[in-house]
Amino acid sequence: MHSTWARRAVWIGFALAVLLQLVVLYAPSTPDGTPSIPGADKVIHVAVFLLPALLGVLAGIRPLPLGVVLVAHAIGSELVQHVLLPERSGDAWDAVADIVGIGLGLALGVAIARRANRMPGRSAS
C-alpha cells in the first residue's frame, strides 16, 4: 500500500465504513420489510466493526489505539441505543459481536499489512 492512489483509496474506504457503521448503529429503527433472520443482526454487527478495523489498519492507523476507540464506540453505541433511541434497544450480545468484528478486522489488517510489506520489491515501512 505504498502508492498515493492506494493510500487514498483505503482512507476513502475507511471513511465510508465508518459512515456505514454510524448509519447502522444510530438509525432510529430498522427499515420496514427487513427480513428477520435469526442471528442476522449479530452478523451485521460483526461486519460493521470488522470493516473500519481492517481498513483503519490498512490506512496506517496503529491497531491498539484503533481497537481501543472501536471497543469504546461498540459499548457506547449500545448504551446510546438503550437510553436515547426509543425504537432501538441496547444489547450486550451486540457489543460482543462488535468486539468480535473488531478483533477479526484488526487481525486481518495486521496480517495483510505484514504480507504487503514482505512482497518482493517492497521496502519495509
C-alpha atoms as a PDB file:
ATOM      1  CA  MET A   1       0.000   0.000   0.000  1.00  0.00           C
ATOM      2  CA  HIS A   2       2.733   2.415  -0.855  1.00  0.00           C
ATOM      3  CA  SER A   3       1.233   4.294  -3.796  1.00  0.00           C
ATOM      4  CA  THR A   4      -0.596   7.535  -3.193  1.00  0.00           C
ATOM      5  CA  TRP A   5      -3.630   6.203  -5.059  1.00  0.00           C
ATOM      6  CA  ALA A   6      -3.822   3.052  -2.928  1.00  0.00           C
ATOM      7  CA  ARG A   7      -3.441   5.021   0.308  1.00  0.00           C
ATOM      8  CA  ARG A   8      -6.174   7.430  -0.754  1.00  0.00           C
ATOM      9  CA  ALA A   9      -8.479   4.552  -1.746  1.00  0.00           C
ATOM     10  CA  VAL A  10      -8.014   2.851   1.637  1.00  0.00           C
ATOM     11  CA  TRP A  11      -8.696   6.105   3.517  1.00  0.00           C
ATOM     12  CA  ILE A  12     -11.857   6.660   1.458  1.00  0.00           C
ATOM     13  CA  GLY A  13     -12.911   3.081   2.190  1.00  0.00           C
ATOM     14  CA  PHE A  14     -12.247   3.629   5.892  1.00  0.00           C
ATOM     15  CA  ALA A  15     -14.342   6.818   5.909  1.00  0.00           C
ATOM     16  CA  LEU A  16     -17.201   5.070   4.098  1.00  0.00           C
ATOM     17  CA  ALA A  17     -17.014   2.105   6.506  1.00  0.00           C
ATOM     18  CA  VAL A  18     -17.270   4.474   9.487  1.00  0.00           C
ATOM     19  CA  LEU A  19     -20.204   6.283   7.857  1.00  0.00           C
ATOM     20  CA  LEU A  20     -21.968   2.965   7.222  1.00  0.00           C
ATOM     21  CA  GLN A  21     -21.316   1.974  10.830  1.00  0.00           C
ATOM     22  CA  LEU A  22     -22.863   5.194  12.126  1.00  0.00           C
ATOM     23  CA  VAL A  23     -25.971   4.768   9.973  1.00  0.00           C
ATOM     24  CA  VAL A  24     -26.443   1.135  11.009  1.00  0.00           C
ATOM     25  CA  LEU A  25     -25.912   1.834  14.701  1.00  0.00           C
ATOM     26  CA  TYR A  26     -27.825   5.078  15.096  1.00  0.00           C
ATOM     27  CA  ALA A  27     -30.716   4.870  12.635  1.00  0.00           C
ATOM     28  CA  PRO A  28     -33.846   5.287  14.749  1.00  0.00           C
ATOM     29  CA  SER A  29     -35.241   1.932  13.613  1.00  0.00           C
ATOM     30  CA  THR A  30     -34.580  -0.797  11.096  1.00  0.00           C
ATOM     31  CA  PRO A  31     -36.185  -0.296   7.684  1.00  0.00           C
ATOM     32  CA  ASP A  32     -39.712  -1.703   7.281  1.00  0.00           C
ATOM     33  CA  GLY A  33     -39.800  -5.010   5.497  1.00  0.00           C
ATOM     34  CA  THR A  34     -36.301  -6.003   6.618  1.00  0.00           C
ATOM     35  CA  PRO A  35     -36.300  -9.810   6.780  1.00  0.00           C
ATOM     36  CA  SER A  36     -35.907 -11.169  10.273  1.00  0.00           C
ATOM     37  CA  ILE A  37     -33.368 -13.960  10.021  1.00  0.00           C
ATOM     38  CA  PRO A  38     -32.300 -15.273  13.435  1.00  0.00           C
ATOM     39  CA  GLY A  39     -28.767 -14.114  14.216  1.00  0.00           C
ATOM     40  CA  ALA A  40     -28.515 -11.847  11.168  1.00  0.00           C
ATOM     41  CA  ASP A  41     -28.206  -8.766  13.373  1.00  0.00           C
ATOM     42  CA  LYS A  42     -25.102 -10.249  15.010  1.00  0.00           C
ATOM     43  CA  VAL A  43     -23.506 -10.866  11.599  1.00  0.00           C
ATOM     44  CA  ILE A  44     -24.248  -7.248  10.695  1.00  0.00           C
ATOM     45  CA  HIS A  45     -22.666  -6.065  13.963  1.00  0.00           C
ATOM     46  CA  VAL A  46     -19.532  -8.119  13.267  1.00  0.00           C
ATOM     47  CA  ALA A  47     -19.319  -6.687   9.733  1.00  0.00           C
ATOM     48  CA  VAL A  48     -19.851  -3.014  10.638  1.00  0.00           C
ATOM     49  CA  PHE A  49     -16.995  -3.177  13.135  1.00  0.00           C
ATOM     50  CA  LEU A  50     -14.731  -5.501  11.120  1.00  0.00           C
ATOM     51  CA  LEU A  51     -14.628  -3.129   8.131  1.00  0.00           C
ATOM     52  CA  PRO A  52     -13.415   0.017   9.942  1.00  0.00           C
ATOM     53  CA  ALA A  53     -10.904  -2.034  11.958  1.00  0.00           C
ATOM     54  CA  LEU A  54      -9.498  -3.703   8.838  1.00  0.00           C
ATOM     55  CA  LEU A  55      -9.430  -0.577   6.677  1.00  0.00           C
ATOM     56  CA  GLY A  56      -8.128   1.567   9.536  1.00  0.00           C
ATOM     57  CA  VAL A  57      -5.086  -0.683   9.965  1.00  0.00           C
ATOM     58  CA  LEU A  58      -4.514  -0.740   6.204  1.00  0.00           C
ATOM     59  CA  ALA A  59      -4.760   3.066   6.185  1.00  0.00           C
ATOM     60  CA  GLY A  60      -1.904   3.177   8.681  1.00  0.00           C
ATOM     61  CA  ILE A  61      -3.748   3.693  11.960  1.00  0.00           C
ATOM     62  CA  ARG A  62      -1.988   1.797  14.740  1.00  0.00           C
ATOM     63  CA  PRO A  63      -4.031  -1.243  15.805  1.00  0.00           C
ATOM     64  CA  LEU A  64      -4.005  -0.640  19.575  1.00  0.00           C
ATOM     65  CA  PRO A  65      -5.439   2.900  19.605  1.00  0.00           C
ATOM     66  CA  LEU A  66      -7.842   1.993  16.795  1.00  0.00           C
ATOM     67  CA  GLY A  67      -9.039  -1.036  18.735  1.00  0.00           C
ATOM     68  CA  VAL A  68      -9.495   0.959  21.939  1.00  0.00           C
ATOM     69  CA  VAL A  69     -11.579   3.605  20.158  1.00  0.00           C
ATOM     70  CA  LEU A  70     -13.687   0.999  18.364  1.00  0.00           C
ATOM     71  CA  VAL A  71     -14.350  -1.010  21.544  1.00  0.00           C
ATOM     72  CA  ALA A  72     -15.361   2.186  23.358  1.00  0.00           C
ATOM     73  CA  HIS A  73     -17.676   3.008  20.460  1.00  0.00           C
ATOM     74  CA  ALA A  74     -19.140  -0.516  20.477  1.00  0.00           C
ATOM     75  CA  ILE A  75     -20.056  -0.253  24.150  1.00  0.00           C
ATOM     76  CA  GLY A  76     -21.140   3.385  23.899  1.00  0.00           C
ATOM     77  CA  SER A  77     -23.367   2.719  20.892  1.00  0.00           C
ATOM     78  CA  GLU A  78     -25.303   0.068  22.794  1.00  0.00           C
ATOM     79  CA  LEU A  79     -25.780   2.471  25.708  1.00  0.00           C
ATOM     80  CA  VAL A  80     -26.984   5.210  23.326  1.00  0.00           C
ATOM     81  CA  GLN A  81     -29.406   2.802  21.682  1.00  0.00           C
ATOM     82  CA  HIS A  82     -30.742   1.732  25.080  1.00  0.00           C
ATOM     83  CA  VAL A  83     -31.101   5.223  26.581  1.00  0.00           C
ATOM     84  CA  LEU A  84     -31.647   7.663  23.714  1.00  0.00           C
ATOM     85  CA  LEU A  85     -33.247   5.779  20.826  1.00  0.00           C
ATOM     86  CA  PRO A  86     -36.752   4.687  21.872  1.00  0.00           C
ATOM     87  CA  GLU A  87     -37.256   2.402  18.859  1.00  0.00           C
ATOM     88  CA  ARG A  88     -33.932   0.648  19.475  1.00  0.00           C
ATOM     89  CA  SER A  89     -32.633  -1.353  22.407  1.00  0.00           C
ATOM     90  CA  GLY A  90     -29.125  -1.825  23.705  1.00  0.00           C
ATOM     91  CA  ASP A  91     -27.962  -5.422  23.712  1.00  0.00           C
ATOM     92  CA  ALA A  92     -24.848  -6.748  25.430  1.00  0.00           C
ATOM     93  CA  TRP A  93     -24.619  -9.547  22.815  1.00  0.00           C
ATOM     94  CA  ASP A  94     -24.498  -6.900  20.085  1.00  0.00           C
ATOM     95  CA  ALA A  95     -21.490  -5.385  21.869  1.00  0.00           C
ATOM     96  CA  VAL A  96     -19.879  -8.831  21.989  1.00  0.00           C
ATOM     97  CA  ALA A  97     -20.464  -9.230  18.229  1.00  0.00           C
ATOM     98  CA  ASP A  98     -18.988  -5.746  17.697  1.00  0.00           C
ATOM     99  CA  ILE A  99     -15.859  -6.686  19.647  1.00  0.00           C
ATOM    100  CA  VAL A 100     -15.512  -9.954  17.693  1.00  0.00           C
ATOM    101  CA  GLY A 101     -15.660  -7.898  14.482  1.00  0.00           C
ATOM    102  CA  ILE A 102     -13.022  -5.520  15.831  1.00  0.00           C
ATOM    103  CA  GLY A 103     -10.694  -8.389  16.710  1.00  0.00           C
ATOM    104  CA  LEU A 104     -11.141 -10.040  13.329  1.00  0.00           C
ATOM    105  CA  GLY A 105     -10.657  -6.759  11.465  1.00  0.00           C
ATOM    106  CA  LEU A 106      -7.520  -5.836  13.376  1.00  0.00           C
ATOM    107  CA  ALA A 107      -6.034  -9.308  12.920  1.00  0.00           C
ATOM    108  CA  LEU A 108      -6.785  -9.344   9.188  1.00  0.00           C
ATOM    109  CA  GLY A 109      -5.465  -5.820   8.772  1.00  0.00           C
ATOM    110  CA  VAL A 110      -2.197  -6.603  10.534  1.00  0.00           C
ATOM    111  CA  ALA A 111      -1.763  -9.845   8.546  1.00  0.00           C
ATOM    112  CA  ILE A 112      -2.440  -8.134   5.212  1.00  0.00           C
ATOM    113  CA  ALA A 113      -0.149  -5.198   6.046  1.00  0.00           C
ATOM    114  CA  ARG A 114       2.678  -7.551   7.070  1.00  0.00           C
ATOM    115  CA  ARG A 115       2.267  -9.619   3.942  1.00  0.00           C
ATOM    116  CA  ALA A 116       2.249  -6.499   1.740  1.00  0.00           C
ATOM    117  CA  ASN A 117       5.475  -5.309   3.376  1.00  0.00           C
ATOM    118  CA  ARG A 118       7.159  -8.674   2.682  1.00  0.00           C
ATOM    119  CA  MET A 119       6.315  -8.716  -1.033  1.00  0.00           C
ATOM    120  CA  PRO A 120       9.360  -8.680  -3.328  1.00  0.00           C
ATOM    121  CA  GLY A 121      10.251  -5.208  -4.489  1.00  0.00           C
ATOM    122  CA  ARG A 122       8.725  -3.567  -1.420  1.00  0.00           C
ATOM    123  CA  SER A 123      10.704  -1.954   1.327  1.00  0.00           C
ATOM    124  CA  ALA A 124       9.551  -2.379   4.909  1.00  0.00           C
ATOM    125  CA  SER A 125       7.977   0.758   6.347  1.00  0.00           C
END
